[in-house]
Amino acid sequence: MEVRVVETEKERNDAFHVRHMVFVEEQKVPAELEIDEHEDKAIHFVAYDKNIPVAAGRFRVLSELAKVERICVLRDYRGTGLGFLLMNGIENHAKQLNLKGTKLNAQISAVGFYEKLGYRIVSEEFMDAGIPHVTMTKVL
């Protein structure tokens, strides 16, 4: 498996396809909320199993932080370590940009995953797109 920083239109469409499958189809997030006004400013990532897109994410640079968003892995690839590989690629890219840390809004069901990566909860629980979340941060 390979994680890539999106550089082509095809890679961007592959990332959007994975996001659509996970967020819109599986989690029933309205499509109009899933693609937002930050797409053109974000740095996108897509992971492939051979040539098949299977995971995606993005981050936006906010001051000295990478605001990590839209992390998703297709159902059949969960529990394989792909999520860790994706996050490692994202964090390494943030370090290359000399960012000091990362911040993300984690779905409650994913908090344990992010804690294993060294993230800590810094907010109360809140709702986003009808799904409970908390804000988490990590120093790079």
N, C-alpha and C. Protein backbone atom coordinates (compact mmCIF):
# COMPACT_ATOMS: atom_id res chain seq x y z
N MET A 1 0.85 -1.18 0.00
CA MET A 1 0.00 0.00 0.00
C MET A 1 0.89 1.23 0.00
N GLU A 2 0.35 2.27 -0.62
CA GLU A 2 1.13 3.49 -0.81
C GLU A 2 0.26 4.71 -0.54
N VAL A 3 0.79 5.65 0.24
CA VAL A 3 0.11 6.92 0.50
C VAL A 3 0.79 7.98 -0.36
N ARG A 4 -0.01 8.75 -1.07
CA ARG A 4 0.51 9.81 -1.94
C ARG A 4 -0.09 11.16 -1.57
N VAL A 5 0.74 12.20 -1.70
CA VAL A 5 0.22 13.56 -1.68
C VAL A 5 -0.42 13.75 -3.06
N VAL A 6 -1.66 14.20 -3.08
CA VAL A 6 -2.38 14.36 -4.34
C VAL A 6 -1.71 15.43 -5.19
N GLU A 7 -1.37 15.04 -6.42
CA GLU A 7 -0.75 15.98 -7.36
C GLU A 7 -1.51 16.07 -8.68
N THR A 8 -2.36 15.09 -8.98
CA THR A 8 -3.07 15.09 -10.26
C THR A 8 -4.58 15.14 -10.03
N GLU A 9 -5.30 15.47 -11.08
CA GLU A 9 -6.77 15.48 -11.01
C GLU A 9 -7.30 14.08 -10.73
N LYS A 10 -6.67 13.05 -11.32
CA LYS A 10 -7.10 11.68 -11.07
C LYS A 10 -6.95 11.31 -9.60
N GLU A 11 -5.81 11.66 -9.00
CA GLU A 11 -5.60 11.36 -7.57
C GLU A 11 -6.62 12.11 -6.71
N ARG A 12 -6.90 13.34 -7.06
CA ARG A 12 -7.90 14.12 -6.30
C ARG A 12 -9.27 13.46 -6.43
N ASN A 13 -9.64 13.06 -7.64
CA ASN A 13 -10.93 12.37 -7.82
C ASN A 13 -10.96 11.05 -7.08
N ASP A 14 -9.83 10.34 -7.03
CA ASP A 14 -9.76 9.09 -6.26
C ASP A 14 -9.99 9.36 -4.78
N ALA A 15 -9.38 10.41 -4.26
CA ALA A 15 -9.58 10.77 -2.85
C ALA A 15 -11.04 11.12 -2.60
N PHE A 16 -11.64 11.91 -3.47
CA PHE A 16 -13.05 12.28 -3.33
C PHE A 16 -13.95 11.05 -3.40
N HIS A 17 -13.59 10.08 -4.24
CA HIS A 17 -14.38 8.85 -4.35
C HIS A 17 -14.38 8.08 -3.02
N VAL A 18 -13.21 7.92 -2.42
CA VAL A 18 -13.13 7.22 -1.13
C VAL A 18 -13.93 7.98 -0.08
N ARG A 19 -13.78 9.29 -0.03
CA ARG A 19 -14.53 10.09 0.93
C ARG A 19 -16.03 9.93 0.73
N HIS A 20 -16.48 9.94 -0.51
CA HIS A 20 -17.90 9.78 -0.80
C HIS A 20 -18.39 8.41 -0.30
N MET A 21 -17.63 7.37 -0.58
CA MET A 21 -18.02 6.02 -0.16
C MET A 21 -18.17 5.93 1.36
N VAL A 22 -17.20 6.50 2.10
CA VAL A 22 -17.22 6.38 3.56
C VAL A 22 -18.21 7.35 4.19
N PHE A 23 -18.11 8.62 3.86
CA PHE A 23 -18.92 9.61 4.56
C PHE A 23 -20.36 9.69 4.05
N VAL A 24 -20.56 9.74 2.75
CA VAL A 24 -21.90 9.91 2.21
C VAL A 24 -22.66 8.58 2.17
N GLU A 25 -22.06 7.56 1.58
CA GLU A 25 -22.76 6.28 1.43
C GLU A 25 -22.88 5.53 2.76
N GLU A 26 -21.75 5.39 3.47
CA GLU A 26 -21.75 4.59 4.69
C GLU A 26 -22.31 5.34 5.90
N GLN A 27 -21.82 6.57 6.12
CA GLN A 27 -22.19 7.30 7.33
C GLN A 27 -23.36 8.26 7.13
N LYS A 28 -23.85 8.36 5.90
CA LYS A 28 -25.04 9.17 5.57
C LYS A 28 -24.84 10.66 5.84
N VAL A 29 -23.60 11.15 5.69
CA VAL A 29 -23.35 12.59 5.76
C VAL A 29 -23.88 13.19 4.46
N PRO A 30 -24.65 14.29 4.53
CA PRO A 30 -25.14 14.90 3.30
C PRO A 30 -23.98 15.28 2.37
N ALA A 31 -24.12 14.97 1.10
CA ALA A 31 -23.06 15.23 0.12
C ALA A 31 -22.65 16.70 0.10
N GLU A 32 -23.61 17.60 0.34
CA GLU A 32 -23.29 19.02 0.31
C GLU A 32 -22.43 19.46 1.49
N LEU A 33 -22.35 18.63 2.54
CA LEU A 33 -21.47 18.93 3.67
C LEU A 33 -20.09 18.29 3.49
N GLU A 34 -20.03 17.21 2.75
CA GLU A 34 -18.79 16.46 2.63
C GLU A 34 -17.75 17.20 1.79
N ILE A 35 -18.13 17.72 0.65
CA ILE A 35 -17.25 18.56 -0.16
C ILE A 35 -17.52 20.00 0.28
N ASP A 36 -16.46 20.71 0.67
CA ASP A 36 -16.70 22.05 1.22
C ASP A 36 -15.83 23.11 0.55
N GLU A 37 -15.90 24.31 1.09
CA GLU A 37 -15.19 25.46 0.52
C GLU A 37 -13.68 25.42 0.73
N HIS A 38 -13.19 24.43 1.49
CA HIS A 38 -11.76 24.35 1.78
C HIS A 38 -10.99 23.42 0.85
N GLU A 39 -11.67 22.77 -0.07
CA GLU A 39 -11.02 21.76 -0.92
C GLU A 39 -9.82 22.31 -1.68
N ASP A 40 -9.96 23.52 -2.23
CA ASP A 40 -8.89 24.06 -3.06
C ASP A 40 -7.69 24.54 -2.25
N LYS A 41 -7.88 24.81 -0.96
CA LYS A 41 -6.79 25.28 -0.11
C LYS A 41 -6.10 24.12 0.61
N ALA A 42 -6.74 22.97 0.65
CA ALA A 42 -6.22 21.83 1.42
C ALA A 42 -5.16 21.06 0.63
N ILE A 43 -4.31 20.38 1.39
CA ILE A 43 -3.37 19.42 0.81
C ILE A 43 -4.03 18.05 0.98
N HIS A 44 -4.27 17.37 -0.12
CA HIS A 44 -5.01 16.11 -0.11
C HIS A 44 -4.06 14.91 -0.17
N PHE A 45 -4.52 13.80 0.39
CA PHE A 45 -3.77 12.55 0.40
C PHE A 45 -4.69 11.42 -0.03
N VAL A 46 -4.12 10.45 -0.73
CA VAL A 46 -4.88 9.26 -1.12
C VAL A 46 -3.96 8.06 -0.97
N ALA A 47 -4.52 6.96 -0.49
CA ALA A 47 -3.76 5.71 -0.35
C ALA A 47 -4.31 4.70 -1.34
N TYR A 48 -3.38 3.95 -1.93
CA TYR A 48 -3.74 2.96 -2.94
C TYR A 48 -3.29 1.57 -2.50
N ASP A 49 -4.11 0.59 -2.82
CA ASP A 49 -3.74 -0.82 -2.77
C ASP A 49 -3.60 -1.22 -4.23
N LYS A 50 -2.37 -1.34 -4.67
CA LYS A 50 -2.06 -1.46 -6.10
C LYS A 50 -2.56 -0.18 -6.76
N ASN A 51 -3.53 -0.22 -7.64
CA ASN A 51 -4.03 1.01 -8.26
C ASN A 51 -5.42 1.38 -7.77
N ILE A 52 -5.89 0.74 -6.70
CA ILE A 52 -7.23 0.98 -6.20
C ILE A 52 -7.17 1.96 -5.02
N PRO A 53 -7.90 3.10 -5.10
CA PRO A 53 -7.92 4.04 -3.98
C PRO A 53 -8.71 3.46 -2.81
N VAL A 54 -8.09 3.45 -1.61
CA VAL A 54 -8.72 2.78 -0.47
C VAL A 54 -8.77 3.63 0.80
N ALA A 55 -8.09 4.77 0.80
CA ALA A 55 -8.11 5.66 1.96
C ALA A 55 -7.80 7.07 1.50
N ALA A 56 -8.22 8.06 2.29
CA ALA A 56 -7.99 9.45 1.90
C ALA A 56 -8.02 10.34 3.13
N GLY A 57 -7.55 11.55 2.93
CA GLY A 57 -7.58 12.58 3.98
C GLY A 57 -7.03 13.87 3.41
N ARG A 58 -7.03 14.88 4.24
CA ARG A 58 -6.50 16.18 3.82
C ARG A 58 -6.08 16.93 5.07
N PHE A 59 -5.28 18.00 4.85
CA PHE A 59 -5.09 18.96 5.92
C PHE A 59 -4.99 20.35 5.34
N ARG A 60 -5.32 21.30 6.20
CA ARG A 60 -5.18 22.71 5.87
C ARG A 60 -4.17 23.30 6.84
N VAL A 61 -3.35 24.22 6.36
CA VAL A 61 -2.39 24.89 7.23
C VAL A 61 -3.11 26.05 7.91
N LEU A 62 -3.16 26.00 9.23
CA LEU A 62 -3.76 27.07 10.04
C LEU A 62 -2.69 27.53 11.02
N SER A 63 -2.11 28.68 10.74
CA SER A 63 -1.01 29.21 11.54
C SER A 63 0.13 28.19 11.51
N GLU A 64 0.51 27.63 12.64
CA GLU A 64 1.62 26.66 12.67
C GLU A 64 1.12 25.23 12.83
N LEU A 65 -0.17 25.01 12.57
CA LEU A 65 -0.78 23.69 12.73
C LEU A 65 -1.29 23.15 11.40
N ALA A 66 -1.30 21.83 11.31
CA ALA A 66 -1.99 21.14 10.23
C ALA A 66 -3.36 20.75 10.78
N LYS A 67 -4.42 21.29 10.20
CA LYS A 67 -5.79 20.92 10.60
C LYS A 67 -6.18 19.72 9.74
N VAL A 68 -6.09 18.54 10.34
CA VAL A 68 -6.32 17.28 9.63
C VAL A 68 -7.83 17.03 9.54
N GLU A 69 -8.27 16.67 8.34
CA GLU A 69 -9.70 16.52 8.10
C GLU A 69 -9.97 15.38 7.13
N ARG A 70 -11.20 14.89 7.17
CA ARG A 70 -11.73 13.92 6.19
C ARG A 70 -10.90 12.63 6.11
N ILE A 71 -10.40 12.18 7.25
CA ILE A 71 -9.65 10.92 7.28
C ILE A 71 -10.64 9.77 7.13
N CYS A 72 -10.39 8.91 6.15
CA CYS A 72 -11.31 7.79 5.94
C CYS A 72 -10.59 6.62 5.27
N VAL A 73 -11.04 5.44 5.63
CA VAL A 73 -10.51 4.19 5.08
C VAL A 73 -11.71 3.34 4.69
N LEU A 74 -11.68 2.77 3.49
CA LEU A 74 -12.78 1.89 3.08
C LEU A 74 -12.94 0.75 4.07
N ARG A 75 -14.17 0.34 4.30
CA ARG A 75 -14.51 -0.65 5.31
C ARG A 75 -13.63 -1.91 5.24
N ASP A 76 -13.43 -2.44 4.04
CA ASP A 76 -12.66 -3.68 3.90
C ASP A 76 -11.19 -3.54 4.27
N TYR A 77 -10.70 -2.30 4.41
CA TYR A 77 -9.29 -2.06 4.72
C TYR A 77 -9.08 -1.60 6.17
N ARG A 78 -10.15 -1.47 6.92
CA ARG A 78 -10.01 -1.07 8.33
C ARG A 78 -9.41 -2.21 9.13
N GLY A 79 -8.58 -1.86 10.08
CA GLY A 79 -7.94 -2.87 10.92
C GLY A 79 -6.69 -3.47 10.28
N THR A 80 -6.26 -2.92 9.16
CA THR A 80 -5.09 -3.46 8.45
C THR A 80 -3.82 -2.65 8.72
N GLY A 81 -3.95 -1.55 9.44
CA GLY A 81 -2.82 -0.65 9.65
C GLY A 81 -2.78 0.47 8.64
N LEU A 82 -3.69 0.47 7.69
CA LEU A 82 -3.70 1.50 6.65
C LEU A 82 -3.97 2.89 7.23
N GLY A 83 -4.83 2.98 8.22
CA GLY A 83 -5.10 4.27 8.85
C GLY A 83 -3.84 4.87 9.48
N PHE A 84 -3.04 4.02 10.13
CA PHE A 84 -1.78 4.48 10.71
C PHE A 84 -0.83 4.94 9.61
N LEU A 85 -0.77 4.19 8.51
CA LEU A 85 0.08 4.54 7.38
C LEU A 85 -0.34 5.89 6.79
N LEU A 86 -1.65 6.09 6.63
CA LEU A 86 -2.16 7.35 6.11
C LEU A 86 -1.80 8.52 7.03
N MET A 87 -2.06 8.36 8.32
CA MET A 87 -1.77 9.43 9.27
C MET A 87 -0.27 9.71 9.34
N ASN A 88 0.55 8.68 9.25
CA ASN A 88 1.99 8.86 9.25
C ASN A 88 2.42 9.70 8.05
N GLY A 89 1.85 9.42 6.88
CA GLY A 89 2.15 10.20 5.68
C GLY A 89 1.73 11.65 5.84
N ILE A 90 0.57 11.86 6.42
CA ILE A 90 0.07 13.22 6.63
C ILE A 90 0.97 13.97 7.61
N GLU A 91 1.31 13.33 8.72
CA GLU A 91 2.14 13.98 9.74
C GLU A 91 3.55 14.26 9.20
N ASN A 92 4.10 13.33 8.42
CA ASN A 92 5.42 13.56 7.84
C ASN A 92 5.41 14.75 6.89
N HIS A 93 4.34 14.89 6.12
CA HIS A 93 4.24 16.03 5.21
C HIS A 93 4.13 17.33 6.01
N ALA A 94 3.37 17.31 7.09
CA ALA A 94 3.25 18.50 7.94
C ALA A 94 4.61 18.87 8.53
N LYS A 95 5.39 17.87 8.94
CA LYS A 95 6.74 18.14 9.46
C LYS A 95 7.63 18.76 8.39
N GLN A 96 7.50 18.27 7.15
CA GLN A 96 8.30 18.83 6.05
C GLN A 96 7.98 20.31 5.82
N LEU A 97 6.76 20.70 6.16
CA LEU A 97 6.34 22.10 6.03
C LEU A 97 6.67 22.90 7.29
N ASN A 98 7.39 22.26 8.23
CA ASN A 98 7.80 22.88 9.50
C ASN A 98 6.63 23.30 10.38
N LEU A 99 5.54 22.55 10.29
CA LEU A 99 4.40 22.83 11.17
C LEU A 99 4.69 22.25 12.54
N LYS A 100 4.15 22.88 13.57
CA LYS A 100 4.47 22.51 14.96
C LYS A 100 3.61 21.38 15.51
N GLY A 101 2.44 21.18 14.91
CA GLY A 101 1.54 20.16 15.43
C GLY A 101 0.36 19.95 14.52
N THR A 102 -0.51 19.04 14.96
CA THR A 102 -1.73 18.74 14.22
C THR A 102 -2.92 18.89 15.14
N LYS A 103 -4.05 19.16 14.51
CA LYS A 103 -5.32 19.29 15.22
C LYS A 103 -6.36 18.63 14.35
N LEU A 104 -7.30 17.91 14.97
CA LEU A 104 -8.37 17.28 14.21
C LEU A 104 -9.61 17.14 15.07
N ASN A 105 -10.73 17.01 14.40
CA ASN A 105 -12.00 16.72 15.07
C ASN A 105 -12.31 15.25 14.80
N ALA A 106 -12.19 14.43 15.84
CA ALA A 106 -12.34 12.99 15.69
C ALA A 106 -13.76 12.55 16.03
N GLN A 107 -14.28 11.66 15.20
CA GLN A 107 -15.53 11.01 15.57
C GLN A 107 -15.25 10.21 16.85
N ILE A 108 -16.22 10.18 17.76
CA ILE A 108 -16.04 9.48 19.03
C ILE A 108 -15.59 8.03 18.80
N SER A 109 -16.11 7.40 17.78
CA SER A 109 -15.74 6.00 17.50
C SER A 109 -14.28 5.84 17.11
N ALA A 110 -13.61 6.94 16.72
CA ALA A 110 -12.21 6.87 16.28
C ALA A 110 -11.22 7.40 17.31
N VAL A 111 -11.70 7.81 18.47
CA VAL A 111 -10.81 8.41 19.47
C VAL A 111 -9.68 7.45 19.86
N GLY A 112 -9.97 6.20 20.08
CA GLY A 112 -8.93 5.23 20.45
C GLY A 112 -7.84 5.11 19.39
N PHE A 113 -8.24 5.13 18.14
CA PHE A 113 -7.29 5.10 17.03
C PHE A 113 -6.32 6.28 17.13
N TYR A 114 -6.86 7.49 17.30
CA TYR A 114 -6.01 8.68 17.35
C TYR A 114 -5.17 8.71 18.63
N GLU A 115 -5.71 8.21 19.74
CA GLU A 115 -4.92 8.15 20.97
C GLU A 115 -3.68 7.27 20.79
N LYS A 116 -3.81 6.17 20.05
CA LYS A 116 -2.66 5.30 19.77
C LYS A 116 -1.59 6.02 18.97
N LEU A 117 -1.99 7.04 18.22
CA LEU A 117 -1.05 7.84 17.43
C LEU A 117 -0.46 9.01 18.23
N GLY A 118 -0.88 9.15 19.49
CA GLY A 118 -0.34 10.21 20.33
C GLY A 118 -1.19 11.46 20.45
N TYR A 119 -2.42 11.42 19.95
CA TYR A 119 -3.32 12.57 20.07
C TYR A 119 -3.97 12.58 21.44
N ARG A 120 -4.32 13.80 21.88
CA ARG A 120 -5.05 13.91 23.15
C ARG A 120 -6.27 14.80 22.96
N ILE A 121 -7.30 14.49 23.70
CA ILE A 121 -8.57 15.23 23.61
C ILE A 121 -8.41 16.59 24.28
N VAL A 122 -8.87 17.64 23.59
CA VAL A 122 -8.77 19.01 24.13
C VAL A 122 -10.11 19.74 24.13
N SER A 123 -11.22 19.01 23.94
CA SER A 123 -12.53 19.67 23.92
C SER A 123 -13.58 18.76 24.55
N GLU A 124 -14.72 19.36 24.78
CA GLU A 124 -15.90 18.59 25.14
C GLU A 124 -16.45 17.96 23.86
N GLU A 125 -17.33 17.00 24.02
CA GLU A 125 -17.97 16.37 22.87
C GLU A 125 -18.91 17.37 22.18
N PHE A 126 -18.94 17.33 20.85
CA PHE A 126 -19.84 18.18 20.08
C PHE A 126 -20.33 17.40 18.85
N MET A 127 -21.38 17.90 18.23
CA MET A 127 -21.95 17.25 17.06
C MET A 127 -21.47 17.94 15.78
N ASP A 128 -21.14 17.12 14.78
CA ASP A 128 -20.78 17.62 13.46
C ASP A 128 -21.39 16.67 12.45
N ALA A 129 -22.21 17.19 11.55
CA ALA A 129 -22.92 16.39 10.55
C ALA A 129 -23.71 15.26 11.21
N GLY A 130 -24.25 15.54 12.40
CA GLY A 130 -25.06 14.55 13.12
C GLY A 130 -24.26 13.45 13.80
N ILE A 131 -22.93 13.60 13.88
CA ILE A 131 -22.06 12.57 14.46
C ILE A 131 -21.28 13.20 15.61
N PRO A 132 -21.24 12.54 16.80
CA PRO A 132 -20.48 13.11 17.93
C PRO A 132 -18.97 13.09 17.67
N HIS A 133 -18.32 14.21 18.01
CA HIS A 133 -16.88 14.41 17.81
C HIS A 133 -16.24 15.02 19.06
N VAL A 134 -14.91 14.97 19.11
CA VAL A 134 -14.10 15.75 20.04
C VAL A 134 -12.91 16.29 19.25
N THR A 135 -12.36 17.41 19.71
CA THR A 135 -11.15 17.95 19.11
C THR A 135 -9.95 17.32 19.79
N MET A 136 -8.95 16.94 18.99
CA MET A 136 -7.73 16.32 19.50
C MET A 136 -6.52 17.03 18.88
N THR A 137 -5.40 17.04 19.61
CA THR A 137 -4.19 17.66 19.11
C THR A 137 -2.98 16.77 19.36
N LYS A 138 -1.91 17.06 18.61
CA LYS A 138 -0.65 16.36 18.77
C LYS A 138 0.47 17.30 18.41
N VAL A 139 1.52 17.31 19.22
CA VAL A 139 2.73 18.07 18.90
C VAL A 139 3.59 17.23 18.00
N LEU A 140 4.09 17.82 16.91
CA LEU A 140 4.95 17.09 15.98
C LEU A 140 6.42 17.22 16.35
